[in-house]
Amino acid sequence: EAKGFGRQKGHTELYRGAEYVVDF
């Protein structure tokens, strides 16, 4: 199992009203 990013560059998610960036 791995985590990473390339051109995809992650995405933004909303959790309990707070927005955060998921990089990997």
mmCIF file of all heavy atoms, coordinates in Angstrom:
data_MODEL
# 
_entry.id   MODEL 
# 
loop_
_atom_site.group_PDB 
_atom_site.id 
_atom_site.type_symbol 
_atom_site.label_atom_id 
_atom_site.label_alt_id 
_atom_site.label_comp_id 
_atom_site.label_asym_id 
_atom_site.label_entity_id 
_atom_site.label_seq_id 
_atom_site.pdbx_PDB_ins_code 
_atom_site.Cartn_x 
_atom_site.Cartn_y 
_atom_site.Cartn_z 
_atom_site.occupancy 
_atom_site.B_iso_or_equiv 
_atom_site.pdbx_formal_charge 
_atom_site.auth_seq_id 
_atom_site.auth_comp_id 
_atom_site.auth_asym_id 
_atom_site.auth_atom_id 
_atom_site.pdbx_PDB_model_num 
ATOM 1   N N   . GLU A 1 1  ? 0.867   -1.180 0.000   1.00 0.00 ? 1  GLU A N   1 
ATOM 2   C CA  . GLU A 1 1  ? 0.000   0.000  0.000   1.00 0.00 ? 1  GLU A CA  1 
ATOM 3   C C   . GLU A 1 1  ? 0.895   1.219  0.000   1.00 0.00 ? 1  GLU A C   1 
ATOM 4   O O   . GLU A 1 1  ? 1.902   1.269  0.715   1.00 0.00 ? 1  GLU A O   1 
ATOM 5   C CB  . GLU A 1 1  ? -0.901  0.002  1.234   1.00 0.00 ? 1  GLU A CB  1 
ATOM 6   C CG  . GLU A 1 1  ? -1.960  -1.073 1.183   1.00 0.00 ? 1  GLU A CG  1 
ATOM 7   C CD  . GLU A 1 1  ? -2.905  -1.015 2.375   1.00 0.00 ? 1  GLU A CD  1 
ATOM 8   O OE1 . GLU A 1 1  ? -2.963  0.022  3.057   1.00 0.00 ? 1  GLU A OE1 1 
ATOM 9   O OE2 . GLU A 1 1  ? -3.573  -2.026 2.612   1.00 0.00 ? 1  GLU A OE2 1 
ATOM 10  N N   . ALA A 1 2  ? 0.534   2.207  -0.801  1.00 0.00 ? 2  ALA A N   1 
ATOM 11  C CA  . ALA A 1 2  ? 1.363   3.400  -0.922  1.00 0.00 ? 2  ALA A CA  1 
ATOM 12  C C   . ALA A 1 2  ? 0.475   4.633  -0.998  1.00 0.00 ? 2  ALA A C   1 
ATOM 13  O O   . ALA A 1 2  ? -0.734  4.537  -1.202  1.00 0.00 ? 2  ALA A O   1 
ATOM 14  C CB  . ALA A 1 2  ? 2.239   3.303  -2.176  1.00 0.00 ? 2  ALA A CB  1 
ATOM 15  N N   . LYS A 1 3  ? 1.093   5.785  -0.828  1.00 0.00 ? 3  LYS A N   1 
ATOM 16  C CA  . LYS A 1 3  ? 0.406   7.064  -1.025  1.00 0.00 ? 3  LYS A CA  1 
ATOM 17  C C   . LYS A 1 3  ? 1.313   7.928  -1.871  1.00 0.00 ? 3  LYS A C   1 
ATOM 18  O O   . LYS A 1 3  ? 2.528   7.865  -1.745  1.00 0.00 ? 3  LYS A O   1 
ATOM 19  C CB  . LYS A 1 3  ? 0.135   7.755  0.307   1.00 0.00 ? 3  LYS A CB  1 
ATOM 20  C CG  . LYS A 1 3  ? -0.905  7.043  1.137   1.00 0.00 ? 3  LYS A CG  1 
ATOM 21  C CD  . LYS A 1 3  ? -1.192  7.818  2.386   1.00 0.00 ? 3  LYS A CD  1 
ATOM 22  C CE  . LYS A 1 3  ? -2.197  7.050  3.211   1.00 0.00 ? 3  LYS A CE  1 
ATOM 23  N NZ  . LYS A 1 3  ? -3.310  7.844  3.596   1.00 0.00 ? 3  LYS A NZ  1 
ATOM 24  N N   . GLY A 1 4  ? 0.717   8.714  -2.738  1.00 0.00 ? 4  GLY A N   1 
ATOM 25  C CA  . GLY A 1 4  ? 1.536   9.584  -3.565  1.00 0.00 ? 4  GLY A CA  1 
ATOM 26  C C   . GLY A 1 4  ? 0.686   10.450 -4.456  1.00 0.00 ? 4  GLY A C   1 
ATOM 27  O O   . GLY A 1 4  ? -0.539  10.383 -4.445  1.00 0.00 ? 4  GLY A O   1 
ATOM 28  N N   . PHE A 1 5  ? 1.373   11.292 -5.225  1.00 0.00 ? 5  PHE A N   1 
ATOM 29  C CA  . PHE A 1 5  ? 0.686   12.106 -6.214  1.00 0.00 ? 5  PHE A CA  1 
ATOM 30  C C   . PHE A 1 5  ? 1.653   12.471 -7.314  1.00 0.00 ? 5  PHE A C   1 
ATOM 31  O O   . PHE A 1 5  ? 2.862   12.467 -7.123  1.00 0.00 ? 5  PHE A O   1 
ATOM 32  C CB  . PHE A 1 5  ? 0.063   13.363 -5.597  1.00 0.00 ? 5  PHE A CB  1 
ATOM 33  C CG  . PHE A 1 5  ? 1.070   14.390 -5.153  1.00 0.00 ? 5  PHE A CG  1 
ATOM 34  C CD1 . PHE A 1 5  ? 1.504   15.380 -6.019  1.00 0.00 ? 5  PHE A CD1 1 
ATOM 35  C CD2 . PHE A 1 5  ? 1.588   14.364 -3.871  1.00 0.00 ? 5  PHE A CD2 1 
ATOM 36  C CE1 . PHE A 1 5  ? 2.429   16.327 -5.610  1.00 0.00 ? 5  PHE A CE1 1 
ATOM 37  C CE2 . PHE A 1 5  ? 2.507   15.287 -3.445  1.00 0.00 ? 5  PHE A CE2 1 
ATOM 38  C CZ  . PHE A 1 5  ? 2.937   16.282 -4.322  1.00 0.00 ? 5  PHE A CZ  1 
ATOM 39  N N   . GLY A 1 6  ? 1.110   12.746 -8.463  1.00 0.00 ? 6  GLY A N   1 
ATOM 40  C CA  . GLY A 1 6  ? 1.886   13.217 -9.602  1.00 0.00 ? 6  GLY A CA  1 
ATOM 41  C C   . GLY A 1 6  ? 1.126   14.388 -10.180 1.00 0.00 ? 6  GLY A C   1 
ATOM 42  O O   . GLY A 1 6  ? 0.869   15.370 -9.503  1.00 0.00 ? 6  GLY A O   1 
ATOM 43  N N   . ARG A 1 7  ? 0.693   14.243 -11.405 1.00 0.00 ? 7  ARG A N   1 
ATOM 44  C CA  . ARG A 1 7  ? -0.102  15.289 -12.033 1.00 0.00 ? 7  ARG A CA  1 
ATOM 45  C C   . ARG A 1 7  ? -1.458  15.449 -11.379 1.00 0.00 ? 7  ARG A C   1 
ATOM 46  O O   . ARG A 1 7  ? -2.083  16.480 -11.482 1.00 0.00 ? 7  ARG A O   1 
ATOM 47  C CB  . ARG A 1 7  ? -0.284  14.974 -13.517 1.00 0.00 ? 7  ARG A CB  1 
ATOM 48  C CG  . ARG A 1 7  ? 0.998   15.121 -14.275 1.00 0.00 ? 7  ARG A CG  1 
ATOM 49  C CD  . ARG A 1 7  ? 0.742   14.970 -15.748 1.00 0.00 ? 7  ARG A CD  1 
ATOM 50  N NE  . ARG A 1 7  ? 1.998   15.024 -16.464 1.00 0.00 ? 7  ARG A NE  1 
ATOM 51  C CZ  . ARG A 1 7  ? 2.202   14.483 -17.635 1.00 0.00 ? 7  ARG A CZ  1 
ATOM 52  N NH1 . ARG A 1 7  ? 1.228   13.834 -18.223 1.00 0.00 ? 7  ARG A NH1 1 
ATOM 53  N NH2 . ARG A 1 7  ? 3.360   14.586 -18.222 1.00 0.00 ? 7  ARG A NH2 1 
ATOM 54  N N   . GLN A 1 8  ? -1.906  14.400 -10.686 1.00 0.00 ? 8  GLN A N   1 
ATOM 55  C CA  . GLN A 1 8  ? -3.204  14.420 -10.022 1.00 0.00 ? 8  GLN A CA  1 
ATOM 56  C C   . GLN A 1 8  ? -3.259  15.496 -8.937  1.00 0.00 ? 8  GLN A C   1 
ATOM 57  O O   . GLN A 1 8  ? -4.268  16.125 -8.731  1.00 0.00 ? 8  GLN A O   1 
ATOM 58  C CB  . GLN A 1 8  ? -3.446  13.051 -9.385  1.00 0.00 ? 8  GLN A CB  1 
ATOM 59  C CG  . GLN A 1 8  ? -4.786  12.484 -9.648  1.00 0.00 ? 8  GLN A CG  1 
ATOM 60  C CD  . GLN A 1 8  ? -4.861  11.046 -9.139  1.00 0.00 ? 8  GLN A CD  1 
ATOM 61  O OE1 . GLN A 1 8  ? -3.862  10.393 -8.892  1.00 0.00 ? 8  GLN A OE1 1 
ATOM 62  N NE2 . GLN A 1 8  ? -6.050  10.560 -9.000  1.00 0.00 ? 8  GLN A NE2 1 
ATOM 63  N N   . LYS A 1 9  ? -2.178  15.651 -8.211  1.00 0.00 ? 9  LYS A N   1 
ATOM 64  C CA  . LYS A 1 9  ? -1.979  16.677 -7.189  1.00 0.00 ? 9  LYS A CA  1 
ATOM 65  C C   . LYS A 1 9  ? -2.999  16.697 -6.068  1.00 0.00 ? 9  LYS A C   1 
ATOM 66  O O   . LYS A 1 9  ? -3.198  17.693 -5.426  1.00 0.00 ? 9  LYS A O   1 
ATOM 67  C CB  . LYS A 1 9  ? -1.927  18.060 -7.842  1.00 0.00 ? 9  LYS A CB  1 
ATOM 68  C CG  . LYS A 1 9  ? -0.731  18.204 -8.743  1.00 0.00 ? 9  LYS A CG  1 
ATOM 69  C CD  . LYS A 1 9  ? -0.586  19.620 -9.232  1.00 0.00 ? 9  LYS A CD  1 
ATOM 70  C CE  . LYS A 1 9  ? 0.624   19.699 -10.106 1.00 0.00 ? 9  LYS A CE  1 
ATOM 71  N NZ  . LYS A 1 9  ? 0.454   20.427 -11.303 1.00 0.00 ? 9  LYS A NZ  1 
ATOM 72  N N   . GLY A 1 10 ? -3.666  15.619 -5.818  1.00 0.00 ? 10 GLY A N   1 
ATOM 73  C CA  . GLY A 1 10 ? -4.590  15.555 -4.699  1.00 0.00 ? 10 GLY A CA  1 
ATOM 74  C C   . GLY A 1 10 ? -5.890  16.294 -4.966  1.00 0.00 ? 10 GLY A C   1 
ATOM 75  O O   . GLY A 1 10 ? -6.189  16.690 -6.083  1.00 0.00 ? 10 GLY A O   1 
ATOM 76  N N   . HIS A 1 11 ? -6.663  16.488 -3.904  1.00 0.00 ? 11 HIS A N   1 
ATOM 77  C CA  . HIS A 1 11 ? -7.940  17.176 -4.031  1.00 0.00 ? 11 HIS A CA  1 
ATOM 78  C C   . HIS A 1 11 ? -8.344  17.754 -2.674  1.00 0.00 ? 11 HIS A C   1 
ATOM 79  O O   . HIS A 1 11 ? -7.713  17.488 -1.656  1.00 0.00 ? 11 HIS A O   1 
ATOM 80  C CB  . HIS A 1 11 ? -9.014  16.211 -4.546  1.00 0.00 ? 11 HIS A CB  1 
ATOM 81  C CG  . HIS A 1 11 ? -9.234  15.030 -3.665  1.00 0.00 ? 11 HIS A CG  1 
ATOM 82  N ND1 . HIS A 1 11 ? -8.450  13.898 -3.716  1.00 0.00 ? 11 HIS A ND1 1 
ATOM 83  C CD2 . HIS A 1 11 ? -10.132 14.807 -2.676  1.00 0.00 ? 11 HIS A CD2 1 
ATOM 84  C CE1 . HIS A 1 11 ? -8.867  13.029 -2.815  1.00 0.00 ? 11 HIS A CE1 1 
ATOM 85  N NE2 . HIS A 1 11 ? -9.878  13.555 -2.164  1.00 0.00 ? 11 HIS A NE2 1 
ATOM 86  N N   . THR A 1 12 ? -9.403  18.562 -2.682  1.00 0.00 ? 12 THR A N   1 
ATOM 87  C CA  . THR A 1 12 ? -9.902  19.176 -1.468  1.00 0.00 ? 12 THR A CA  1 
ATOM 88  C C   . THR A 1 12 ? -11.107 18.407 -0.962  1.00 0.00 ? 12 THR A C   1 
ATOM 89  O O   . THR A 1 12 ? -11.957 18.003 -1.744  1.00 0.00 ? 12 THR A O   1 
ATOM 90  C CB  . THR A 1 12 ? -10.311 20.636 -1.752  1.00 0.00 ? 12 THR A CB  1 
ATOM 91  O OG1 . THR A 1 12 ? -9.209  21.306 -2.347  1.00 0.00 ? 12 THR A OG1 1 
ATOM 92  C CG2 . THR A 1 12 ? -10.682 21.358 -0.483  1.00 0.00 ? 12 THR A CG2 1 
ATOM 93  N N   . GLU A 1 13 ? -11.176 18.193 0.348   1.00 0.00 ? 13 GLU A N   1 
ATOM 94  C CA  . GLU A 1 13 ? -12.318 17.513 0.954   1.00 0.00 ? 13 GLU A CA  1 
ATOM 95  C C   . GLU A 1 13 ? -12.882 18.351 2.080   1.00 0.00 ? 13 GLU A C   1 
ATOM 96  O O   . GLU A 1 13 ? -12.188 19.185 2.659   1.00 0.00 ? 13 GLU A O   1 
ATOM 97  C CB  . GLU A 1 13 ? -11.900 16.139 1.494   1.00 0.00 ? 13 GLU A CB  1 
ATOM 98  C CG  . GLU A 1 13 ? -11.653 15.126 0.424   1.00 0.00 ? 13 GLU A CG  1 
ATOM 99  C CD  . GLU A 1 13 ? -11.473 13.717 0.974   1.00 0.00 ? 13 GLU A CD  1 
ATOM 100 O OE1 . GLU A 1 13 ? -11.636 13.513 2.199   1.00 0.00 ? 13 GLU A OE1 1 
ATOM 101 O OE2 . GLU A 1 13 ? -11.158 12.827 0.175   1.00 0.00 ? 13 GLU A OE2 1 
ATOM 102 N N   . LEU A 1 14 ? -14.139 18.096 2.373   1.00 0.00 ? 14 LEU A N   1 
ATOM 103 C CA  . LEU A 1 14 ? -14.821 18.783 3.460   1.00 0.00 ? 14 LEU A CA  1 
ATOM 104 C C   . LEU A 1 14 ? -15.053 17.774 4.588   1.00 0.00 ? 14 LEU A C   1 
ATOM 105 O O   . LEU A 1 14 ? -15.600 16.697 4.357   1.00 0.00 ? 14 LEU A O   1 
ATOM 106 C CB  . LEU A 1 14 ? -16.165 19.314 2.945   1.00 0.00 ? 14 LEU A CB  1 
ATOM 107 C CG  . LEU A 1 14 ? -16.843 20.387 3.769   1.00 0.00 ? 14 LEU A CG  1 
ATOM 108 C CD1 . LEU A 1 14 ? -15.967 21.632 3.853   1.00 0.00 ? 14 LEU A CD1 1 
ATOM 109 C CD2 . LEU A 1 14 ? -18.177 20.745 3.133   1.00 0.00 ? 14 LEU A CD2 1 
ATOM 110 N N   . TYR A 1 15 ? -14.590 18.093 5.801   1.00 0.00 ? 15 TYR A N   1 
ATOM 111 C CA  . TYR A 1 15 ? -14.761 17.197 6.934   1.00 0.00 ? 15 TYR A CA  1 
ATOM 112 C C   . TYR A 1 15 ? -15.217 18.013 8.129   1.00 0.00 ? 15 TYR A C   1 
ATOM 113 O O   . TYR A 1 15 ? -14.513 18.910 8.584   1.00 0.00 ? 15 TYR A O   1 
ATOM 114 C CB  . TYR A 1 15 ? -13.444 16.474 7.242   1.00 0.00 ? 15 TYR A CB  1 
ATOM 115 C CG  . TYR A 1 15 ? -13.530 15.535 8.409   1.00 0.00 ? 15 TYR A CG  1 
ATOM 116 C CD1 . TYR A 1 15 ? -14.231 14.342 8.308   1.00 0.00 ? 15 TYR A CD1 1 
ATOM 117 C CD2 . TYR A 1 15 ? -12.924 15.840 9.625   1.00 0.00 ? 15 TYR A CD2 1 
ATOM 118 C CE1 . TYR A 1 15 ? -14.324 13.469 9.376   1.00 0.00 ? 15 TYR A CE1 1 
ATOM 119 C CE2 . TYR A 1 15 ? -13.004 14.983 10.698  1.00 0.00 ? 15 TYR A CE2 1 
ATOM 120 C CZ  . TYR A 1 15 ? -13.711 13.798 10.571  1.00 0.00 ? 15 TYR A CZ  1 
ATOM 121 O OH  . TYR A 1 15 ? -13.801 12.933 11.628  1.00 0.00 ? 15 TYR A OH  1 
ATOM 122 N N   . ARG A 1 16 ? -16.412 17.731 8.626   1.00 0.00 ? 16 ARG A N   1 
ATOM 123 C CA  . ARG A 1 16 ? -16.997 18.445 9.764   1.00 0.00 ? 16 ARG A CA  1 
ATOM 124 C C   . ARG A 1 16 ? -16.957 19.948 9.569   1.00 0.00 ? 16 ARG A C   1 
ATOM 125 O O   . ARG A 1 16 ? -16.587 20.709 10.471  1.00 0.00 ? 16 ARG A O   1 
ATOM 126 C CB  . ARG A 1 16 ? -16.307 18.049 11.059  1.00 0.00 ? 16 ARG A CB  1 
ATOM 127 C CG  . ARG A 1 16 ? -16.538 16.607 11.433  1.00 0.00 ? 16 ARG A CG  1 
ATOM 128 C CD  . ARG A 1 16 ? -16.028 16.317 12.812  1.00 0.00 ? 16 ARG A CD  1 
ATOM 129 N NE  . ARG A 1 16 ? -16.316 14.929 13.150  1.00 0.00 ? 16 ARG A NE  1 
ATOM 130 C CZ  . ARG A 1 16 ? -16.066 14.396 14.307  1.00 0.00 ? 16 ARG A CZ  1 
ATOM 131 N NH1 . ARG A 1 16 ? -15.510 15.109 15.262  1.00 0.00 ? 16 ARG A NH1 1 
ATOM 132 N NH2 . ARG A 1 16 ? -16.363 13.136 14.542  1.00 0.00 ? 16 ARG A NH2 1 
ATOM 133 N N   . GLY A 1 17 ? -17.288 20.361 8.377   1.00 0.00 ? 17 GLY A N   1 
ATOM 134 C CA  . GLY A 1 17 ? -17.369 21.784 8.074   1.00 0.00 ? 17 GLY A CA  1 
ATOM 135 C C   . GLY A 1 17 ? -16.058 22.454 7.742   1.00 0.00 ? 17 GLY A C   1 
ATOM 136 O O   . GLY A 1 17 ? -16.027 23.617 7.358   1.00 0.00 ? 17 GLY A O   1 
ATOM 137 N N   . ALA A 1 18 ? -14.955 21.739 7.881   1.00 0.00 ? 18 ALA A N   1 
ATOM 138 C CA  . ALA A 1 18 ? -13.644 22.324 7.570   1.00 0.00 ? 18 ALA A CA  1 
ATOM 139 C C   . ALA A 1 18 ? -13.129 21.735 6.262   1.00 0.00 ? 18 ALA A C   1 
ATOM 140 O O   . ALA A 1 18 ? -13.261 20.544 6.006   1.00 0.00 ? 18 ALA A O   1 
ATOM 141 C CB  . ALA A 1 18 ? -12.658 22.036 8.696   1.00 0.00 ? 18 ALA A CB  1 
ATOM 142 N N   . GLU A 1 19 ? -12.563 22.589 5.461   1.00 0.00 ? 19 GLU A N   1 
ATOM 143 C CA  . GLU A 1 19 ? -12.017 22.157 4.181   1.00 0.00 ? 19 GLU A CA  1 
ATOM 144 C C   . GLU A 1 19 ? -10.521 21.883 4.346   1.00 0.00 ? 19 GLU A C   1 
ATOM 145 O O   . GLU A 1 19 ? -9.811  22.657 4.978   1.00 0.00 ? 19 GLU A O   1 
ATOM 146 C CB  . GLU A 1 19 ? -12.233 23.269 3.146   1.00 0.00 ? 19 GLU A CB  1 
ATOM 147 C CG  . GLU A 1 19 ? -12.059 22.831 1.725   1.00 0.00 ? 19 GLU A CG  1 
ATOM 148 C CD  . GLU A 1 19 ? -12.425 23.937 0.753   1.00 0.00 ? 19 GLU A CD  1 
ATOM 149 O OE1 . GLU A 1 19 ? -13.610 24.046 0.408   1.00 0.00 ? 19 GLU A OE1 1 
ATOM 150 O OE2 . GLU A 1 19 ? -11.510 24.670 0.354   1.00 0.00 ? 19 GLU A OE2 1 
ATOM 151 N N   . TYR A 1 20 ? -10.067 20.754 3.805   1.00 0.00 ? 20 TYR A N   1 
ATOM 152 C CA  . TYR A 1 20 ? -8.636  20.476 3.865   1.00 0.00 ? 20 TYR A CA  1 
ATOM 153 C C   . TYR A 1 20 ? -8.185  19.795 2.583   1.00 0.00 ? 20 TYR A C   1 
ATOM 154 O O   . TYR A 1 20 ? -8.975  19.217 1.860   1.00 0.00 ? 20 TYR A O   1 
ATOM 155 C CB  . TYR A 1 20 ? -8.280  19.640 5.099   1.00 0.00 ? 20 TYR A CB  1 
ATOM 156 C CG  . TYR A 1 20 ? -8.834  18.240 5.103   1.00 0.00 ? 20 TYR A CG  1 
ATOM 157 C CD1 . TYR A 1 20 ? -8.048  17.167 4.728   1.00 0.00 ? 20 TYR A CD1 1 
ATOM 158 C CD2 . TYR A 1 20 ? -10.152 17.992 5.478   1.00 0.00 ? 20 TYR A CD2 1 
ATOM 159 C CE1 . TYR A 1 20 ? -8.546  15.876 4.726   1.00 0.00 ? 20 TYR A CE1 1 
ATOM 160 C CE2 . TYR A 1 20 ? -10.663 16.702 5.479   1.00 0.00 ? 20 TYR A CE2 1 
ATOM 161 C CZ  . TYR A 1 20 ? -9.863  15.653 5.111   1.00 0.00 ? 20 TYR A CZ  1 
ATOM 162 O OH  . TYR A 1 20 ? -10.364 14.386 5.098   1.00 0.00 ? 20 TYR A OH  1 
ATOM 163 N N   . VAL A 1 21 ? -6.900  19.892 2.304   1.00 0.00 ? 21 VAL A N   1 
ATOM 164 C CA  . VAL A 1 21 ? -6.331  19.354 1.075   1.00 0.00 ? 21 VAL A CA  1 
ATOM 165 C C   . VAL A 1 21 ? -5.757  17.966 1.338   1.00 0.00 ? 21 VAL A C   1 
ATOM 166 O O   . VAL A 1 21 ? -5.004  17.770 2.293   1.00 0.00 ? 21 VAL A O   1 
ATOM 167 C CB  . VAL A 1 21 ? -5.220  20.274 0.524   1.00 0.00 ? 21 VAL A CB  1 
ATOM 168 C CG1 . VAL A 1 21 ? -4.571  19.674 -0.713  1.00 0.00 ? 21 VAL A CG1 1 
ATOM 169 C CG2 . VAL A 1 21 ? -5.783  21.648 0.219   1.00 0.00 ? 21 VAL A CG2 1 
ATOM 170 N N   . VAL A 1 22 ? -6.135  17.010 0.507   1.00 0.00 ? 22 VAL A N   1 
ATOM 171 C CA  . VAL A 1 22 ? -5.573  15.664 0.567   1.00 0.00 ? 22 VAL A CA  1 
ATOM 172 C C   . VAL A 1 22 ? -4.494  15.611 -0.510  1.00 0.00 ? 22 VAL A C   1 
ATOM 173 O O   . VAL A 1 22 ? -4.786  15.496 -1.690  1.00 0.00 ? 22 VAL A O   1 
ATOM 174 C CB  . VAL A 1 22 ? -6.661  14.594 0.309   1.00 0.00 ? 22 VAL A CB  1 
ATOM 175 C CG1 . VAL A 1 22 ? -6.041  13.204 0.318   1.00 0.00 ? 22 VAL A CG1 1 
ATOM 176 C CG2 . VAL A 1 22 ? -7.767  14.704 1.333   1.00 0.00 ? 22 VAL A CG2 1 
ATOM 177 N N   . ASP A 1 23 ? -3.232  15.767 -0.085  1.00 0.00 ? 23 ASP A N   1 
ATOM 178 C CA  . ASP A 1 23 ? -2.115  15.788 -1.036  1.00 0.00 ? 23 ASP A CA  1 
ATOM 179 C C   . ASP A 1 23 ? -1.777  14.399 -1.554  1.00 0.00 ? 23 ASP A C   1 
ATOM 180 O O   . ASP A 1 23 ? -1.540  14.213 -2.735  1.00 0.00 ? 23 ASP A O   1 
ATOM 181 C CB  . ASP A 1 23 ? -0.859  16.370 -0.383  1.00 0.00 ? 23 ASP A CB  1 
ATOM 182 C CG  . ASP A 1 23 ? -0.951  17.863 -0.188  1.00 0.00 ? 23 ASP A CG  1 
ATOM 183 O OD1 . ASP A 1 23 ? -1.749  18.502 -0.887  1.00 0.00 ? 23 ASP A OD1 1 
ATOM 184 O OD2 . ASP A 1 23 ? -0.221  18.391 0.671   1.00 0.00 ? 23 ASP A OD2 1 
ATOM 185 N N   . PHE A 1 24 ? -1.682  13.446 -0.649  1.00 0.00 ? 24 PHE A N   1 
ATOM 186 C CA  . PHE A 1 24 ? -1.256  12.109 -1.024  1.00 0.00 ? 24 PHE A CA  1 
ATOM 187 C C   . PHE A 1 24 ? -2.465  11.208 -1.193  1.00 0.00 ? 24 PHE A C   1 
ATOM 188 O O   . PHE A 1 24 ? -3.248  11.022 -0.269  1.00 0.00 ? 24 PHE A O   1 
ATOM 189 C CB  . PHE A 1 24 ? -0.299  11.531 0.028   1.00 0.00 ? 24 PHE A CB  1 
ATOM 190 C CG  . PHE A 1 24 ? 0.992   12.287 0.095   1.00 0.00 ? 24 PHE A CG  1 
ATOM 191 C CD1 . PHE A 1 24 ? 1.225   13.201 1.111   1.00 0.00 ? 24 PHE A CD1 1 
ATOM 192 C CD2 . PHE A 1 24 ? 1.969   12.092 -0.862  1.00 0.00 ? 24 PHE A CD2 1 
ATOM 193 C CE1 . PHE A 1 24 ? 2.416   13.902 1.163   1.00 0.00 ? 24 PHE A CE1 1 
ATOM 194 C CE2 . PHE A 1 24 ? 3.158   12.785 -0.820  1.00 0.00 ? 24 PHE A CE2 1 
ATOM 195 C CZ  . PHE A 1 24 ? 3.382   13.695 0.197   1.00 0.00 ? 24 PHE A CZ  1 
# 
